Amino acid sequence: MSHTCSKKVRGFHCDAYGHVNNARYLEFLEEARWTAFEEDKVVEAFDAIGLQFFVVNITIRFKSPVLPETTIDITTSLGETKRKTISFIQEIHVDGNLSTSAEVTFVLFDKNTQRAVMINESHLAYFKNLSDA
């Protein structure tokens, strides 16, 4: 399962070439992740157990430009989980066509020890609505 949110692209999102500036894509993706996490109260749940999210890697693939006054649909789903990292797969679609794809990798950071923690099943349970499993 994945979470989808829509956003209208405005002129100020665009660069001199008339399409969305590459840095804005990161903002769109971040806003979509926060929307998904807020709906499932993930940030509050992790805060209650003393954990925070930190992005450690972003891989983004641009397939076609996004133009102003376009409505984009951004999907977010759970990606790969490793020992200390968890990733989310995000896609931006325009009129049903894939425009951009990204993998955003996080660590869960313990506020008390100031270290990344091992990802376990109880952590993954918070993302069940973003998982295909």
N, C-alpha and C. Protein backbone atom coordinates (compact mmCIF):
# COMPACT_ATOMS: atom_id res chain seq x y z
N MET A 1 0.84 -1.17 0.00
CA MET A 1 0.00 0.00 0.00
C MET A 1 0.89 1.24 0.00
N SER A 2 0.41 2.30 -0.52
CA SER A 2 1.18 3.53 -0.51
C SER A 2 0.26 4.70 -0.17
N HIS A 3 0.87 5.80 0.14
CA HIS A 3 0.13 7.03 0.43
C HIS A 3 0.32 7.96 -0.76
N THR A 4 -0.76 8.62 -1.16
CA THR A 4 -0.68 9.56 -2.29
C THR A 4 -1.20 10.92 -1.86
N CYS A 5 -0.47 11.95 -2.22
CA CYS A 5 -0.97 13.31 -2.03
C CYS A 5 -0.75 14.08 -3.33
N SER A 6 -1.58 15.07 -3.52
CA SER A 6 -1.52 15.87 -4.74
C SER A 6 -1.07 17.28 -4.41
N LYS A 7 -0.43 17.91 -5.37
CA LYS A 7 0.06 19.27 -5.19
C LYS A 7 0.03 19.98 -6.53
N LYS A 8 -0.38 21.23 -6.50
CA LYS A 8 -0.35 22.04 -7.72
C LYS A 8 0.99 22.76 -7.80
N VAL A 9 1.63 22.65 -8.94
CA VAL A 9 2.92 23.30 -9.18
C VAL A 9 2.64 24.76 -9.54
N ARG A 10 3.33 25.65 -8.89
CA ARG A 10 3.18 27.09 -9.11
C ARG A 10 4.39 27.63 -9.87
N GLY A 11 4.24 28.80 -10.41
CA GLY A 11 5.33 29.42 -11.17
C GLY A 11 6.60 29.60 -10.35
N PHE A 12 6.46 29.91 -9.05
CA PHE A 12 7.66 30.13 -8.24
C PHE A 12 8.43 28.85 -7.94
N HIS A 13 7.85 27.69 -8.26
CA HIS A 13 8.56 26.42 -8.12
C HIS A 13 9.53 26.19 -9.28
N CYS A 14 9.40 27.00 -10.32
CA CYS A 14 10.11 26.75 -11.57
C CYS A 14 11.35 27.62 -11.73
N ASP A 15 12.26 27.15 -12.58
CA ASP A 15 13.49 27.88 -12.83
C ASP A 15 13.39 28.66 -14.15
N ALA A 16 14.50 29.21 -14.58
CA ALA A 16 14.52 30.04 -15.80
C ALA A 16 14.18 29.24 -17.06
N TYR A 17 14.27 27.91 -16.98
CA TYR A 17 13.94 27.07 -18.13
C TYR A 17 12.45 26.76 -18.20
N GLY A 18 11.69 27.19 -17.18
CA GLY A 18 10.24 27.02 -17.21
C GLY A 18 9.74 25.70 -16.67
N HIS A 19 10.61 24.93 -16.01
CA HIS A 19 10.13 23.71 -15.36
C HIS A 19 10.61 23.68 -13.93
N VAL A 20 10.07 22.75 -13.15
CA VAL A 20 10.37 22.70 -11.72
C VAL A 20 11.87 22.58 -11.51
N ASN A 21 12.39 23.43 -10.63
CA ASN A 21 13.80 23.41 -10.27
C ASN A 21 14.11 22.13 -9.50
N ASN A 22 15.29 21.55 -9.73
CA ASN A 22 15.63 20.28 -9.10
C ASN A 22 15.53 20.31 -7.58
N ALA A 23 15.88 21.41 -6.94
CA ALA A 23 15.80 21.49 -5.48
C ALA A 23 14.35 21.44 -4.99
N ARG A 24 13.43 21.93 -5.79
CA ARG A 24 12.01 21.91 -5.40
C ARG A 24 11.46 20.49 -5.32
N TYR A 25 11.98 19.59 -6.15
CA TYR A 25 11.52 18.21 -6.09
C TYR A 25 11.73 17.64 -4.69
N LEU A 26 12.87 17.97 -4.08
CA LEU A 26 13.15 17.48 -2.73
C LEU A 26 12.11 18.01 -1.74
N GLU A 27 11.70 19.26 -1.93
CA GLU A 27 10.66 19.84 -1.06
C GLU A 27 9.33 19.12 -1.27
N PHE A 28 8.97 18.86 -2.53
CA PHE A 28 7.73 18.16 -2.81
C PHE A 28 7.73 16.78 -2.16
N LEU A 29 8.84 16.07 -2.30
CA LEU A 29 8.95 14.73 -1.73
C LEU A 29 8.88 14.77 -0.21
N GLU A 30 9.56 15.74 0.40
CA GLU A 30 9.54 15.86 1.85
C GLU A 30 8.13 16.17 2.35
N GLU A 31 7.45 17.07 1.68
CA GLU A 31 6.08 17.40 2.08
C GLU A 31 5.17 16.17 2.00
N ALA A 32 5.34 15.37 0.96
CA ALA A 32 4.54 14.15 0.82
C ALA A 32 4.84 13.14 1.92
N ARG A 33 6.12 13.00 2.30
CA ARG A 33 6.47 12.08 3.40
C ARG A 33 5.85 12.56 4.71
N TRP A 34 5.98 13.85 4.99
CA TRP A 34 5.43 14.39 6.23
C TRP A 34 3.91 14.21 6.28
N THR A 35 3.26 14.40 5.14
CA THR A 35 1.81 14.20 5.09
C THR A 35 1.47 12.75 5.42
N ALA A 36 2.18 11.82 4.84
CA ALA A 36 1.94 10.40 5.12
C ALA A 36 2.22 10.08 6.59
N PHE A 37 3.32 10.59 7.12
CA PHE A 37 3.68 10.32 8.51
C PHE A 37 2.70 10.97 9.47
N GLU A 38 2.23 12.17 9.16
CA GLU A 38 1.26 12.86 10.03
C GLU A 38 -0.05 12.10 10.10
N GLU A 39 -0.51 11.59 8.97
CA GLU A 39 -1.78 10.87 8.96
C GLU A 39 -1.74 9.63 9.83
N ASP A 40 -0.59 8.99 9.91
CA ASP A 40 -0.44 7.80 10.74
C ASP A 40 0.19 8.11 12.10
N LYS A 41 0.40 9.39 12.38
CA LYS A 41 0.97 9.84 13.66
C LYS A 41 2.32 9.19 13.97
N VAL A 42 3.11 8.98 12.93
CA VAL A 42 4.41 8.32 13.07
C VAL A 42 5.39 9.20 13.84
N VAL A 43 5.46 10.47 13.51
CA VAL A 43 6.43 11.36 14.16
C VAL A 43 6.15 11.43 15.67
N GLU A 44 4.88 11.57 16.03
CA GLU A 44 4.52 11.62 17.45
C GLU A 44 4.86 10.32 18.16
N ALA A 45 4.61 9.19 17.49
CA ALA A 45 4.90 7.89 18.09
C ALA A 45 6.39 7.72 18.34
N PHE A 46 7.21 8.08 17.35
CA PHE A 46 8.65 7.95 17.53
C PHE A 46 9.17 8.95 18.57
N ASP A 47 8.61 10.13 18.60
CA ASP A 47 9.00 11.12 19.60
C ASP A 47 8.72 10.58 21.01
N ALA A 48 7.59 9.90 21.17
CA ALA A 48 7.22 9.35 22.48
C ALA A 48 8.21 8.29 22.97
N ILE A 49 8.88 7.61 22.04
CA ILE A 49 9.87 6.60 22.45
C ILE A 49 11.30 7.12 22.28
N GLY A 50 11.43 8.42 22.07
CA GLY A 50 12.76 9.06 22.04
C GLY A 50 13.53 8.90 20.76
N LEU A 51 12.83 8.71 19.64
CA LEU A 51 13.52 8.54 18.36
C LEU A 51 13.19 9.67 17.40
N GLN A 52 14.15 9.96 16.53
CA GLN A 52 13.98 10.96 15.49
C GLN A 52 14.41 10.35 14.15
N PHE A 53 13.97 10.96 13.05
CA PHE A 53 14.36 10.55 11.70
C PHE A 53 15.48 11.45 11.22
N PHE A 54 16.45 10.86 10.55
CA PHE A 54 17.47 11.65 9.86
C PHE A 54 17.69 11.06 8.48
N VAL A 55 17.60 11.90 7.46
CA VAL A 55 17.89 11.46 6.09
C VAL A 55 19.39 11.27 5.96
N VAL A 56 19.79 10.13 5.40
CA VAL A 56 21.21 9.87 5.19
C VAL A 56 21.56 9.72 3.71
N ASN A 57 20.54 9.53 2.86
CA ASN A 57 20.81 9.40 1.44
C ASN A 57 19.51 9.65 0.65
N ILE A 58 19.66 10.32 -0.49
CA ILE A 58 18.54 10.49 -1.41
C ILE A 58 19.06 10.21 -2.83
N THR A 59 18.39 9.30 -3.49
CA THR A 59 18.67 9.04 -4.90
C THR A 59 17.42 9.43 -5.66
N ILE A 60 17.58 10.31 -6.64
CA ILE A 60 16.43 10.82 -7.39
C ILE A 60 16.70 10.67 -8.87
N ARG A 61 15.67 10.24 -9.60
CA ARG A 61 15.78 10.05 -11.04
C ARG A 61 14.72 10.92 -11.72
N PHE A 62 15.17 11.80 -12.57
CA PHE A 62 14.27 12.68 -13.31
C PHE A 62 14.01 12.06 -14.68
N LYS A 63 12.75 11.83 -14.98
CA LYS A 63 12.39 11.20 -16.25
C LYS A 63 11.80 12.20 -17.24
N SER A 64 11.02 13.15 -16.72
CA SER A 64 10.45 14.18 -17.59
C SER A 64 10.18 15.42 -16.75
N PRO A 65 10.21 16.59 -17.37
CA PRO A 65 10.03 17.83 -16.60
C PRO A 65 8.59 17.98 -16.10
N VAL A 66 8.46 18.72 -15.02
CA VAL A 66 7.15 19.10 -14.51
C VAL A 66 7.01 20.60 -14.72
N LEU A 67 5.89 20.99 -15.27
CA LEU A 67 5.67 22.37 -15.68
C LEU A 67 4.72 23.09 -14.72
N PRO A 68 4.74 24.43 -14.74
CA PRO A 68 3.84 25.18 -13.86
C PRO A 68 2.38 24.91 -14.20
N GLU A 69 1.55 25.09 -13.18
CA GLU A 69 0.09 24.89 -13.28
C GLU A 69 -0.29 23.44 -13.49
N THR A 70 0.65 22.53 -13.26
CA THR A 70 0.40 21.10 -13.35
C THR A 70 0.06 20.58 -11.95
N THR A 71 -0.87 19.64 -11.87
CA THR A 71 -1.12 18.96 -10.60
C THR A 71 -0.35 17.66 -10.63
N ILE A 72 0.47 17.47 -9.59
CA ILE A 72 1.26 16.25 -9.48
C ILE A 72 0.70 15.38 -8.37
N ASP A 73 0.84 14.08 -8.55
CA ASP A 73 0.48 13.11 -7.52
C ASP A 73 1.78 12.47 -7.03
N ILE A 74 1.99 12.51 -5.72
CA ILE A 74 3.22 11.99 -5.13
C ILE A 74 2.86 10.79 -4.27
N THR A 75 3.41 9.62 -4.62
CA THR A 75 3.16 8.43 -3.83
C THR A 75 4.38 8.14 -2.95
N THR A 76 4.09 7.64 -1.76
CA THR A 76 5.13 7.28 -0.80
C THR A 76 4.84 5.87 -0.32
N SER A 77 5.84 5.00 -0.38
CA SER A 77 5.69 3.65 0.14
C SER A 77 6.98 3.20 0.81
N LEU A 78 6.84 2.21 1.64
CA LEU A 78 7.99 1.67 2.35
C LEU A 78 8.91 0.97 1.37
N GLY A 79 10.19 1.24 1.48
CA GLY A 79 11.18 0.61 0.62
C GLY A 79 11.91 -0.50 1.37
N GLU A 80 13.22 -0.48 1.26
CA GLU A 80 14.06 -1.52 1.85
C GLU A 80 14.41 -1.18 3.30
N THR A 81 14.42 -2.18 4.12
CA THR A 81 14.84 -2.03 5.51
C THR A 81 16.11 -2.85 5.73
N LYS A 82 17.10 -2.20 6.29
CA LYS A 82 18.34 -2.89 6.63
C LYS A 82 18.52 -2.79 8.14
N ARG A 83 19.69 -3.17 8.58
CA ARG A 83 19.98 -3.18 10.02
C ARG A 83 19.70 -1.85 10.69
N LYS A 84 20.23 -0.76 10.13
CA LYS A 84 20.09 0.55 10.74
C LYS A 84 19.49 1.59 9.80
N THR A 85 19.00 1.16 8.65
CA THR A 85 18.39 2.13 7.73
C THR A 85 17.03 1.63 7.26
N ILE A 86 16.23 2.60 6.90
CA ILE A 86 14.91 2.32 6.35
C ILE A 86 14.73 3.30 5.19
N SER A 87 14.19 2.81 4.08
CA SER A 87 14.02 3.71 2.95
C SER A 87 12.55 3.79 2.55
N PHE A 88 12.25 4.87 1.87
CA PHE A 88 10.92 5.09 1.33
C PHE A 88 11.08 5.35 -0.16
N ILE A 89 10.20 4.74 -0.94
CA ILE A 89 10.17 4.92 -2.38
C ILE A 89 9.10 5.96 -2.67
N GLN A 90 9.48 6.97 -3.44
CA GLN A 90 8.52 8.02 -3.78
C GLN A 90 8.52 8.22 -5.29
N GLU A 91 7.33 8.48 -5.81
CA GLU A 91 7.18 8.72 -7.23
C GLU A 91 6.29 9.94 -7.44
N ILE A 92 6.65 10.72 -8.43
CA ILE A 92 5.83 11.86 -8.84
C ILE A 92 5.24 11.52 -10.20
N HIS A 93 3.91 11.58 -10.27
CA HIS A 93 3.20 11.29 -11.52
C HIS A 93 2.49 12.55 -12.00
N VAL A 94 2.49 12.72 -13.30
CA VAL A 94 1.74 13.79 -13.96
C VAL A 94 0.79 13.11 -14.94
N ASP A 95 -0.49 13.32 -14.73
CA ASP A 95 -1.51 12.69 -15.58
C ASP A 95 -1.31 11.18 -15.68
N GLY A 96 -0.93 10.56 -14.56
CA GLY A 96 -0.74 9.11 -14.53
C GLY A 96 0.60 8.63 -15.04
N ASN A 97 1.42 9.52 -15.56
CA ASN A 97 2.73 9.14 -16.10
C ASN A 97 3.84 9.46 -15.09
N LEU A 98 4.76 8.51 -14.93
CA LEU A 98 5.87 8.70 -14.00
C LEU A 98 6.80 9.80 -14.51
N SER A 99 7.02 10.80 -13.67
CA SER A 99 7.91 11.91 -14.00
C SER A 99 9.23 11.81 -13.25
N THR A 100 9.12 11.42 -11.98
CA THR A 100 10.30 11.42 -11.10
C THR A 100 10.16 10.27 -10.11
N SER A 101 11.27 9.61 -9.81
CA SER A 101 11.27 8.59 -8.77
C SER A 101 12.44 8.85 -7.83
N ALA A 102 12.25 8.47 -6.57
CA ALA A 102 13.30 8.71 -5.58
C ALA A 102 13.28 7.61 -4.52
N GLU A 103 14.44 7.36 -3.96
CA GLU A 103 14.56 6.52 -2.77
C GLU A 103 15.22 7.39 -1.70
N VAL A 104 14.52 7.54 -0.59
CA VAL A 104 15.01 8.37 0.51
C VAL A 104 15.29 7.44 1.68
N THR A 105 16.54 7.44 2.14
CA THR A 105 16.98 6.53 3.20
C THR A 105 17.20 7.30 4.49
N PHE A 106 16.69 6.74 5.59
CA PHE A 106 16.76 7.34 6.91
C PHE A 106 17.45 6.41 7.89
N VAL A 107 17.93 7.00 8.97
CA VAL A 107 18.23 6.25 10.18
C VAL A 107 17.25 6.74 11.24
N LEU A 108 16.99 5.87 12.19
CA LEU A 108 16.26 6.28 13.39
C LEU A 108 17.31 6.59 14.43
N PHE A 109 17.22 7.78 14.99
CA PHE A 109 18.25 8.32 15.87
C PHE A 109 17.69 8.42 17.29
N ASP A 110 18.41 7.84 18.24
CA ASP A 110 18.01 7.90 19.65
C ASP A 110 18.42 9.25 20.23
N LYS A 111 17.45 10.01 20.72
CA LYS A 111 17.74 11.35 21.26
C LYS A 111 18.63 11.29 22.49
N ASN A 112 18.54 10.23 23.28
CA ASN A 112 19.33 10.14 24.51
C ASN A 112 20.77 9.72 24.25
N THR A 113 20.96 8.69 23.44
CA THR A 113 22.31 8.19 23.20
C THR A 113 23.02 8.92 22.06
N GLN A 114 22.23 9.68 21.27
CA GLN A 114 22.78 10.40 20.12
C GLN A 114 23.40 9.45 19.09
N ARG A 115 22.76 8.29 18.91
CA ARG A 115 23.25 7.28 17.97
C ARG A 115 22.08 6.69 17.20
N ALA A 116 22.40 6.19 16.02
CA ALA A 116 21.40 5.47 15.23
C ALA A 116 21.06 4.16 15.94
N VAL A 117 19.81 3.74 15.83
CA VAL A 117 19.37 2.51 16.47
C VAL A 117 19.10 1.43 15.42
N MET A 118 19.10 0.20 15.87
CA MET A 118 18.75 -0.93 15.00
C MET A 118 17.25 -0.84 14.69
N ILE A 119 16.88 -1.10 13.45
CA ILE A 119 15.49 -1.11 13.05
C ILE A 119 14.90 -2.47 13.44
N ASN A 120 13.78 -2.46 14.15
CA ASN A 120 13.16 -3.72 14.54
C ASN A 120 11.70 -3.76 14.10
N GLU A 121 11.05 -4.87 14.35
CA GLU A 121 9.67 -5.06 13.91
C GLU A 121 8.71 -4.04 14.53
N SER A 122 8.97 -3.64 15.77
CA SER A 122 8.08 -2.66 16.39
C SER A 122 8.19 -1.30 15.69
N HIS A 123 9.37 -0.97 15.20
CA HIS A 123 9.53 0.27 14.42
C HIS A 123 8.78 0.17 13.10
N LEU A 124 8.93 -0.97 12.44
CA LEU A 124 8.29 -1.17 11.13
C LEU A 124 6.77 -1.17 11.23
N ALA A 125 6.24 -1.53 12.37
CA ALA A 125 4.78 -1.57 12.54
C ALA A 125 4.16 -0.19 12.32
N TYR A 126 4.90 0.86 12.62
CA TYR A 126 4.39 2.21 12.42
C TYR A 126 4.18 2.54 10.94
N PHE A 127 4.83 1.78 10.06
CA PHE A 127 4.75 2.05 8.63
C PHE A 127 3.88 1.03 7.88
N LYS A 128 3.06 0.29 8.62
CA LYS A 128 2.27 -0.77 7.99
C LYS A 128 1.38 -0.24 6.87
N ASN A 129 0.90 1.00 6.98
CA ASN A 129 0.05 1.58 5.94
C ASN A 129 0.82 1.95 4.68
N LEU A 130 2.15 1.93 4.75
CA LEU A 130 2.98 2.24 3.59
C LEU A 130 3.65 0.99 3.01
N SER A 131 3.32 -0.14 3.58
CA SER A 131 3.97 -1.39 3.21
C SER A 131 3.09 -2.22 2.30
N ASP A 132 3.71 -2.95 1.39
CA ASP A 132 2.98 -3.89 0.54
C ASP A 132 2.71 -5.20 1.27
N ALA A 133 3.43 -5.42 2.36
CA ALA A 133 3.29 -6.70 3.09
C ALA A 133 2.01 -6.77 3.89
